Amino acid sequence: MKNFANAEFSPEVIDLMTIALEGAVATLPEPVHSSHVTALAESILRTAGAGERDVANLQRVALLELQLAPRHG
């Protein structure tokens, strides 16, 4: 994970981010690649760091960013 060394979140926000990540990962087709999970987690951290607290919005932004990310390979 990059650029999150100084991030601080309350236990409640961590719970929201966890729910958003689990929900986003559950929508991915099998097999789920670790790079996709990492990208989703980083997006959720960034979006929550910007103040978003709605689980659906955290999940939606992460999935959109993953969909728009350049494909390598």
PDB file of N, CA and C in Angstrom:
ATOM      1  N   MET A   1       0.845  -1.173   0.000  1.00  0.00           N
ATOM      2  CA  MET A   1       0.000   0.000   0.000  1.00  0.00           C
ATOM      3  C   MET A   1       0.891   1.238   0.000  1.00  0.00           C
ATOM      4  N   LYS A   2       0.474   2.209  -0.732  1.00  0.00           N
ATOM      5  CA  LYS A   2       1.295   3.400  -0.852  1.00  0.00           C
ATOM      6  C   LYS A   2       0.602   4.628  -0.280  1.00  0.00           C
ATOM      7  N   ASN A   3       1.393   5.501   0.310  1.00  0.00           N
ATOM      8  CA  ASN A   3       0.927   6.809   0.769  1.00  0.00           C
ATOM      9  C   ASN A   3      -0.110   6.765   1.885  1.00  0.00           C
ATOM     10  N   PHE A   4      -0.103   5.729   2.711  1.00  0.00           N
ATOM     11  CA  PHE A   4      -1.073   5.651   3.786  1.00  0.00           C
ATOM     12  C   PHE A   4      -0.418   5.528   5.150  1.00  0.00           C
ATOM     13  N   ALA A   5       0.874   5.841   5.237  1.00  0.00           N
ATOM     14  CA  ALA A   5       1.604   5.662   6.491  1.00  0.00           C
ATOM     15  C   ALA A   5       1.025   6.523   7.618  1.00  0.00           C
ATOM     16  N   ASN A   6       0.516   7.691   7.300  1.00  0.00           N
ATOM     17  CA  ASN A   6       0.011   8.606   8.326  1.00  0.00           C
ATOM     18  C   ASN A   6      -1.506   8.614   8.432  1.00  0.00           C
ATOM     19  N   ALA A   7      -2.155   7.675   7.768  1.00  0.00           N
ATOM     20  CA  ALA A   7      -3.621   7.633   7.804  1.00  0.00           C
ATOM     21  C   ALA A   7      -4.083   7.121   9.159  1.00  0.00           C
ATOM     22  N   GLU A   8      -5.091   7.789   9.696  1.00  0.00           N
ATOM     23  CA  GLU A   8      -5.696   7.365  10.961  1.00  0.00           C
ATOM     24  C   GLU A   8      -7.203   7.341  10.783  1.00  0.00           C
ATOM     25  N   PHE A   9      -7.806   6.217  11.188  1.00  0.00           N
ATOM     26  CA  PHE A   9      -9.248   6.061  11.085  1.00  0.00           C
ATOM     27  C   PHE A   9      -9.770   5.501  12.394  1.00  0.00           C
ATOM     28  N   SER A  10     -10.964   5.915  12.758  1.00  0.00           N
ATOM     29  CA  SER A  10     -11.598   5.386  13.962  1.00  0.00           C
ATOM     30  C   SER A  10     -12.013   3.935  13.709  1.00  0.00           C
ATOM     31  N   PRO A  11     -12.221   3.170  14.771  1.00  0.00           N
ATOM     32  CA  PRO A  11     -12.680   1.782  14.589  1.00  0.00           C
ATOM     33  C   PRO A  11     -13.969   1.692  13.773  1.00  0.00           C
ATOM     34  N   GLU A  12     -14.855   2.666  13.931  1.00  0.00           N
ATOM     35  CA  GLU A  12     -16.106   2.661  13.180  1.00  0.00           C
ATOM     36  C   GLU A  12     -15.854   2.814  11.683  1.00  0.00           C
ATOM     37  N   VAL A  13     -14.936   3.702  11.319  1.00  0.00           N
ATOM     38  CA  VAL A  13     -14.621   3.916   9.906  1.00  0.00           C
ATOM     39  C   VAL A  13     -13.898   2.689   9.347  1.00  0.00           C
ATOM     40  N   ILE A  14     -13.039   2.075  10.134  1.00  0.00           N
ATOM     41  CA  ILE A  14     -12.365   0.853   9.690  1.00  0.00           C
ATOM     42  C   ILE A  14     -13.396  -0.233   9.413  1.00  0.00           C
ATOM     43  N   ASP A  15     -14.413  -0.330  10.256  1.00  0.00           N
ATOM     44  CA  ASP A  15     -15.491  -1.301  10.023  1.00  0.00           C
ATOM     45  C   ASP A  15     -16.206  -1.007   8.703  1.00  0.00           C
ATOM     46  N   LEU A  16     -16.511   0.262   8.441  1.00  0.00           N
ATOM     47  CA  LEU A  16     -17.169   0.642   7.190  1.00  0.00           C
ATOM     48  C   LEU A  16     -16.295   0.301   5.991  1.00  0.00           C
ATOM     49  N   MET A  17     -15.007   0.590   6.090  1.00  0.00           N
ATOM     50  CA  MET A  17     -14.091   0.297   4.985  1.00  0.00           C
ATOM     51  C   MET A  17     -13.986  -1.205   4.749  1.00  0.00           C
ATOM     52  N   THR A  18     -13.982  -1.980   5.820  1.00  0.00           N
ATOM     53  CA  THR A  18     -13.911  -3.440   5.698  1.00  0.00           C
ATOM     54  C   THR A  18     -15.143  -3.976   4.988  1.00  0.00           C
ATOM     55  N   ILE A  19     -16.306  -3.485   5.384  1.00  0.00           N
ATOM     56  CA  ILE A  19     -17.563  -3.911   4.743  1.00  0.00           C
ATOM     57  C   ILE A  19     -17.543  -3.542   3.259  1.00  0.00           C
ATOM     58  N   ALA A  20     -17.087  -2.335   2.943  1.00  0.00           N
ATOM     59  CA  ALA A  20     -17.024  -1.890   1.547  1.00  0.00           C
ATOM     60  C   ALA A  20     -16.066  -2.764   0.746  1.00  0.00           C
ATOM     61  N   LEU A  21     -14.907  -3.083   1.315  1.00  0.00           N
ATOM     62  CA  LEU A  21     -13.932  -3.911   0.609  1.00  0.00           C
ATOM     63  C   LEU A  21     -14.476  -5.312   0.379  1.00  0.00           C
ATOM     64  N   GLU A  22     -15.051  -5.902   1.408  1.00  0.00           N
ATOM     65  CA  GLU A  22     -15.600  -7.251   1.266  1.00  0.00           C
ATOM     66  C   GLU A  22     -16.713  -7.276   0.226  1.00  0.00           C
ATOM     67  N   GLY A  23     -17.551  -6.255   0.231  1.00  0.00           N
ATOM     68  CA  GLY A  23     -18.627  -6.181  -0.754  1.00  0.00           C
ATOM     69  C   GLY A  23     -18.111  -6.005  -2.165  1.00  0.00           C
ATOM     70  N   ALA A  24     -17.095  -5.166  -2.326  1.00  0.00           N
ATOM     71  CA  ALA A  24     -16.518  -4.947  -3.647  1.00  0.00           C
ATOM     72  C   ALA A  24     -15.846  -6.212  -4.163  1.00  0.00           C
ATOM     73  N   VAL A  25     -15.087  -6.880  -3.319  1.00  0.00           N
ATOM     74  CA  VAL A  25     -14.399  -8.109  -3.723  1.00  0.00           C
ATOM     75  C   VAL A  25     -15.420  -9.178  -4.111  1.00  0.00           C
ATOM     76  N   ALA A  26     -16.530  -9.231  -3.401  1.00  0.00           N
ATOM     77  CA  ALA A  26     -17.555 -10.244  -3.678  1.00  0.00           C
ATOM     78  C   ALA A  26     -18.167 -10.083  -5.067  1.00  0.00           C
ATOM     79  N   THR A  27     -18.075  -8.897  -5.646  1.00  0.00           N
ATOM     80  CA  THR A  27     -18.652  -8.678  -6.977  1.00  0.00           C
ATOM     81  C   THR A  27     -17.697  -9.065  -8.098  1.00  0.00           C
ATOM     82  N   LEU A  28     -16.439  -9.305  -7.782  1.00  0.00           N
ATOM     83  CA  LEU A  28     -15.450  -9.622  -8.812  1.00  0.00           C
ATOM     84  C   LEU A  28     -15.614 -11.060  -9.288  1.00  0.00           C
ATOM     85  N   PRO A  29     -15.356 -11.280 -10.578  1.00  0.00           N
ATOM     86  CA  PRO A  29     -15.413 -12.648 -11.081  1.00  0.00           C
ATOM     87  C   PRO A  29     -14.210 -13.451 -10.592  1.00  0.00           C
ATOM     88  N   GLU A  30     -14.411 -14.745 -10.448  1.00  0.00           N
ATOM     89  CA  GLU A  30     -13.315 -15.641 -10.060  1.00  0.00           C
ATOM     90  C   GLU A  30     -12.403 -15.855 -11.261  1.00  0.00           C
ATOM     91  N   PRO A  31     -11.125 -16.046 -11.100  1.00  0.00           N
ATOM     92  CA  PRO A  31     -10.406 -15.920  -9.834  1.00  0.00           C
ATOM     93  C   PRO A  31     -10.139 -14.451  -9.512  1.00  0.00           C
ATOM     94  N   VAL A  32     -10.190 -14.115  -8.243  1.00  0.00           N
ATOM     95  CA  VAL A  32      -9.915 -12.756  -7.798  1.00  0.00           C
ATOM     96  C   VAL A  32      -8.404 -12.623  -7.605  1.00  0.00           C
ATOM     97  N   HIS A  33      -7.814 -11.652  -8.277  1.00  0.00           N
ATOM     98  CA  HIS A  33      -6.373 -11.432  -8.192  1.00  0.00           C
ATOM     99  C   HIS A  33      -6.039 -10.513  -7.022  1.00  0.00           C
ATOM    100  N   SER A  34      -4.936 -10.787  -6.357  1.00  0.00           N
ATOM    101  CA  SER A  34      -4.536  -9.968  -5.208  1.00  0.00           C
ATOM    102  C   SER A  34      -4.317  -8.518  -5.616  1.00  0.00           C
ATOM    103  N   SER A  35      -3.875  -8.282  -6.845  1.00  0.00           N
ATOM    104  CA  SER A  35      -3.675  -6.903  -7.297  1.00  0.00           C
ATOM    105  C   SER A  35      -4.995  -6.142  -7.354  1.00  0.00           C
ATOM    106  N   HIS A  36      -6.078  -6.849  -7.672  1.00  0.00           N
ATOM    107  CA  HIS A  36      -7.391  -6.197  -7.693  1.00  0.00           C
ATOM    108  C   HIS A  36      -7.839  -5.850  -6.278  1.00  0.00           C
ATOM    109  N   VAL A  37      -7.609  -6.765  -5.347  1.00  0.00           N
ATOM    110  CA  VAL A  37      -7.980  -6.507  -3.949  1.00  0.00           C
ATOM    111  C   VAL A  37      -7.178  -5.318  -3.419  1.00  0.00           C
ATOM    112  N   THR A  38      -5.892  -5.279  -3.741  1.00  0.00           N
ATOM    113  CA  THR A  38      -5.046  -4.162  -3.312  1.00  0.00           C
ATOM    114  C   THR A  38      -5.549  -2.850  -3.891  1.00  0.00           C
ATOM    115  N   ALA A  39      -5.892  -2.844  -5.173  1.00  0.00           N
ATOM    116  CA  ALA A  39      -6.389  -1.622  -5.822  1.00  0.00           C
ATOM    117  C   ALA A  39      -7.692  -1.163  -5.178  1.00  0.00           C
ATOM    118  N   LEU A  40      -8.591  -2.102  -4.889  1.00  0.00           N
ATOM    119  CA  LEU A  40      -9.846  -1.750  -4.223  1.00  0.00           C
ATOM    120  C   LEU A  40      -9.585  -1.167  -2.838  1.00  0.00           C
ATOM    121  N   ALA A  41      -8.697  -1.808  -2.084  1.00  0.00           N
ATOM    122  CA  ALA A  41      -8.387  -1.335  -0.729  1.00  0.00           C
ATOM    123  C   ALA A  41      -7.782   0.064  -0.756  1.00  0.00           C
ATOM    124  N   GLU A  42      -6.859   0.300  -1.690  1.00  0.00           N
ATOM    125  CA  GLU A  42      -6.238   1.624  -1.775  1.00  0.00           C
ATOM    126  C   GLU A  42      -7.274   2.685  -2.125  1.00  0.00           C
ATOM    127  N   SER A  43      -8.178   2.361  -3.034  1.00  0.00           N
ATOM    128  CA  SER A  43      -9.226   3.312  -3.402  1.00  0.00           C
ATOM    129  C   SER A  43     -10.120   3.619  -2.209  1.00  0.00           C
ATOM    130  N   ILE A  44     -10.503   2.588  -1.473  1.00  0.00           N
ATOM    131  CA  ILE A  44     -11.357   2.788  -0.303  1.00  0.00           C
ATOM    132  C   ILE A  44     -10.640   3.632   0.742  1.00  0.00           C
ATOM    133  N   LEU A  45      -9.367   3.384   0.951  1.00  0.00           N
ATOM    134  CA  LEU A  45      -8.601   4.205   1.896  1.00  0.00           C
ATOM    135  C   LEU A  45      -8.559   5.664   1.452  1.00  0.00           C
ATOM    136  N   ARG A  46      -8.313   5.900   0.168  1.00  0.00           N
ATOM    137  CA  ARG A  46      -8.270   7.274  -0.349  1.00  0.00           C
ATOM    138  C   ARG A  46      -9.622   7.956  -0.190  1.00  0.00           C
ATOM    139  N   THR A  47     -10.678   7.255  -0.573  1.00  0.00           N
ATOM    140  CA  THR A  47     -12.018   7.854  -0.532  1.00  0.00           C
ATOM    141  C   THR A  47     -12.452   8.108   0.908  1.00  0.00           C
ATOM    142  N   ALA A  48     -12.187   7.173   1.793  1.00  0.00           N
ATOM    143  CA  ALA A  48     -12.508   7.385   3.211  1.00  0.00           C
ATOM    144  C   ALA A  48     -11.647   8.500   3.783  1.00  0.00           C
ATOM    145  N   GLY A  49     -10.407   8.582   3.351  1.00  0.00           N
ATOM    146  CA  GLY A  49      -9.521   9.648   3.804  1.00  0.00           C
ATOM    147  C   GLY A  49     -10.011  11.024   3.387  1.00  0.00           C
ATOM    148  N   ALA A  50     -10.780  11.061   2.290  1.00  0.00           N
ATOM    149  CA  ALA A  50     -11.360  12.318   1.815  1.00  0.00           C
ATOM    150  C   ALA A  50     -12.666  12.643   2.534  1.00  0.00           C
ATOM    151  N   GLY A  51     -13.112  11.723   3.415  1.00  0.00           N
ATOM    152  CA  GLY A  51     -14.281  12.025   4.225  1.00  0.00           C
ATOM    153  C   GLY A  51     -15.526  11.212   3.927  1.00  0.00           C
ATOM    154  N   GLU A  52     -15.485  10.391   2.894  1.00  0.00           N
ATOM    155  CA  GLU A  52     -16.674   9.588   2.562  1.00  0.00           C
ATOM    156  C   GLU A  52     -16.897   8.526   3.627  1.00  0.00           C
ATOM    157  N   ARG A  53     -18.150   8.365   4.050  1.00  0.00           N
ATOM    158  CA  ARG A  53     -18.472   7.381   5.094  1.00  0.00           C
ATOM    159  C   ARG A  53     -19.590   6.424   4.680  1.00  0.00           C
ATOM    160  N   ASP A  54     -20.146   6.603   3.483  1.00  0.00           N
ATOM    161  CA  ASP A  54     -21.207   5.730   3.007  1.00  0.00           C
ATOM    162  C   ASP A  54     -20.580   4.490   2.356  1.00  0.00           C
ATOM    163  N   VAL A  55     -20.926   3.314   2.884  1.00  0.00           N
ATOM    164  CA  VAL A  55     -20.328   2.061   2.404  1.00  0.00           C
ATOM    165  C   VAL A  55     -20.577   1.874   0.911  1.00  0.00           C
ATOM    166  N   ALA A  56     -21.787   2.147   0.454  1.00  0.00           N
ATOM    167  CA  ALA A  56     -22.110   1.964  -0.964  1.00  0.00           C
ATOM    168  C   ALA A  56     -21.256   2.870  -1.844  1.00  0.00           C
ATOM    169  N   ASN A  57     -21.031   4.100  -1.399  1.00  0.00           N
ATOM    170  CA  ASN A  57     -20.201   5.016  -2.174  1.00  0.00           C
ATOM    171  C   ASN A  57     -18.737   4.580  -2.169  1.00  0.00           C
ATOM    172  N   LEU A  58     -18.235   4.127  -1.017  1.00  0.00           N
ATOM    173  CA  LEU A  58     -16.859   3.629  -0.950  1.00  0.00           C
ATOM    174  C   LEU A  58     -16.677   2.470  -1.922  1.00  0.00           C
ATOM    175  N   GLN A  59     -17.628   1.566  -1.920  1.00  0.00           N
ATOM    176  CA  GLN A  59     -17.568   0.390  -2.789  1.00  0.00           C
ATOM    177  C   GLN A  59     -17.675   0.799  -4.256  1.00  0.00           C
ATOM    178  N   ARG A  60     -18.611   1.670  -4.575  1.00  0.00           N
ATOM    179  CA  ARG A  60     -18.840   2.102  -5.955  1.00  0.00           C
ATOM    180  C   ARG A  60     -17.606   2.783  -6.542  1.00  0.00           C
ATOM    181  N   VAL A  61     -17.013   3.692  -5.791  1.00  0.00           N
ATOM    182  CA  VAL A  61     -15.825   4.401  -6.274  1.00  0.00           C
ATOM    183  C   VAL A  61     -14.685   3.412  -6.510  1.00  0.00           C
ATOM    184  N   ALA A  62     -14.495   2.483  -5.584  1.00  0.00           N
ATOM    185  CA  ALA A  62     -13.408   1.508  -5.723  1.00  0.00           C
ATOM    186  C   ALA A  62     -13.602   0.651  -6.967  1.00  0.00           C
ATOM    187  N   LEU A  63     -14.819   0.187  -7.197  1.00  0.00           N
ATOM    188  CA  LEU A  63     -15.078  -0.648  -8.373  1.00  0.00           C
ATOM    189  C   LEU A  63     -14.934   0.148  -9.666  1.00  0.00           C
ATOM    190  N   LEU A  64     -15.372   1.402  -9.659  1.00  0.00           N
ATOM    191  CA  LEU A  64     -15.197   2.242 -10.845  1.00  0.00           C
ATOM    192  C   LEU A  64     -13.722   2.485 -11.134  1.00  0.00           C
ATOM    193  N   GLU A  65     -12.942   2.775 -10.098  1.00  0.00           N
ATOM    194  CA  GLU A  65     -11.508   2.993 -10.298  1.00  0.00           C
ATOM    195  C   GLU A  65     -10.834   1.728 -10.824  1.00  0.00           C
ATOM    196  N   LEU A  66     -11.236   0.575 -10.313  1.00  0.00           N
ATOM    197  CA  LEU A  66     -10.665  -0.679 -10.782  1.00  0.00           C
ATOM    198  C   LEU A  66     -11.018  -0.902 -12.242  1.00  0.00           C
ATOM    199  N   GLN A  67     -12.247  -0.599 -12.601  1.00  0.00           N
ATOM    200  CA  GLN A  67     -12.704  -0.781 -13.981  1.00  0.00           C
ATOM    201  C   GLN A  67     -11.951   0.153 -14.943  1.00  0.00           C
ATOM    202  N   LEU A  68     -11.616   1.353 -14.464  1.00  0.00           N
ATOM    203  CA  LEU A  68     -10.947   2.344 -15.312  1.00  0.00           C
ATOM    204  C   LEU A  68      -9.429   2.214 -15.315  1.00  0.00           C
ATOM    205  N   ALA A  69      -8.890   1.402 -14.414  1.00  0.00           N
ATOM    206  CA  ALA A  69      -7.431   1.263 -14.299  1.00  0.00           C
ATOM    207  C   ALA A  69      -6.873   0.652 -15.580  1.00  0.00           C
ATOM    208  N   PRO A  70      -5.696   1.130 -15.988  1.00  0.00           N
ATOM    209  CA  PRO A  70      -5.075   0.541 -17.180  1.00  0.00           C
ATOM    210  C   PRO A  70      -4.729  -0.925 -16.926  1.00  0.00           C
ATOM    211  N   ARG A  71      -4.931  -1.742 -17.922  1.00  0.00           N
ATOM    212  CA  ARG A  71      -4.625  -3.176 -17.815  1.00  0.00           C
ATOM    213  C   ARG A  71      -3.178  -3.416 -18.210  1.00  0.00           C
ATOM    214  N   HIS A  72      -2.512  -4.213 -17.422  1.00  0.00           N
ATOM    215  CA  HIS A  72      -1.122  -4.584 -17.728  1.00  0.00           C
ATOM    216  C   HIS A  72      -1.102  -6.072 -18.029  1.00  0.00           C
ATOM    217  N   GLY A  73      -0.315  -6.431 -19.030  1.00  0.00           N
ATOM    218  CA  GLY A  73      -0.167  -7.855 -19.315  1.00  0.00           C
ATOM    219  C   GLY A  73      -0.894  -8.186 -20.514  1.00  0.00           C
TER     220      GLY A  73
END
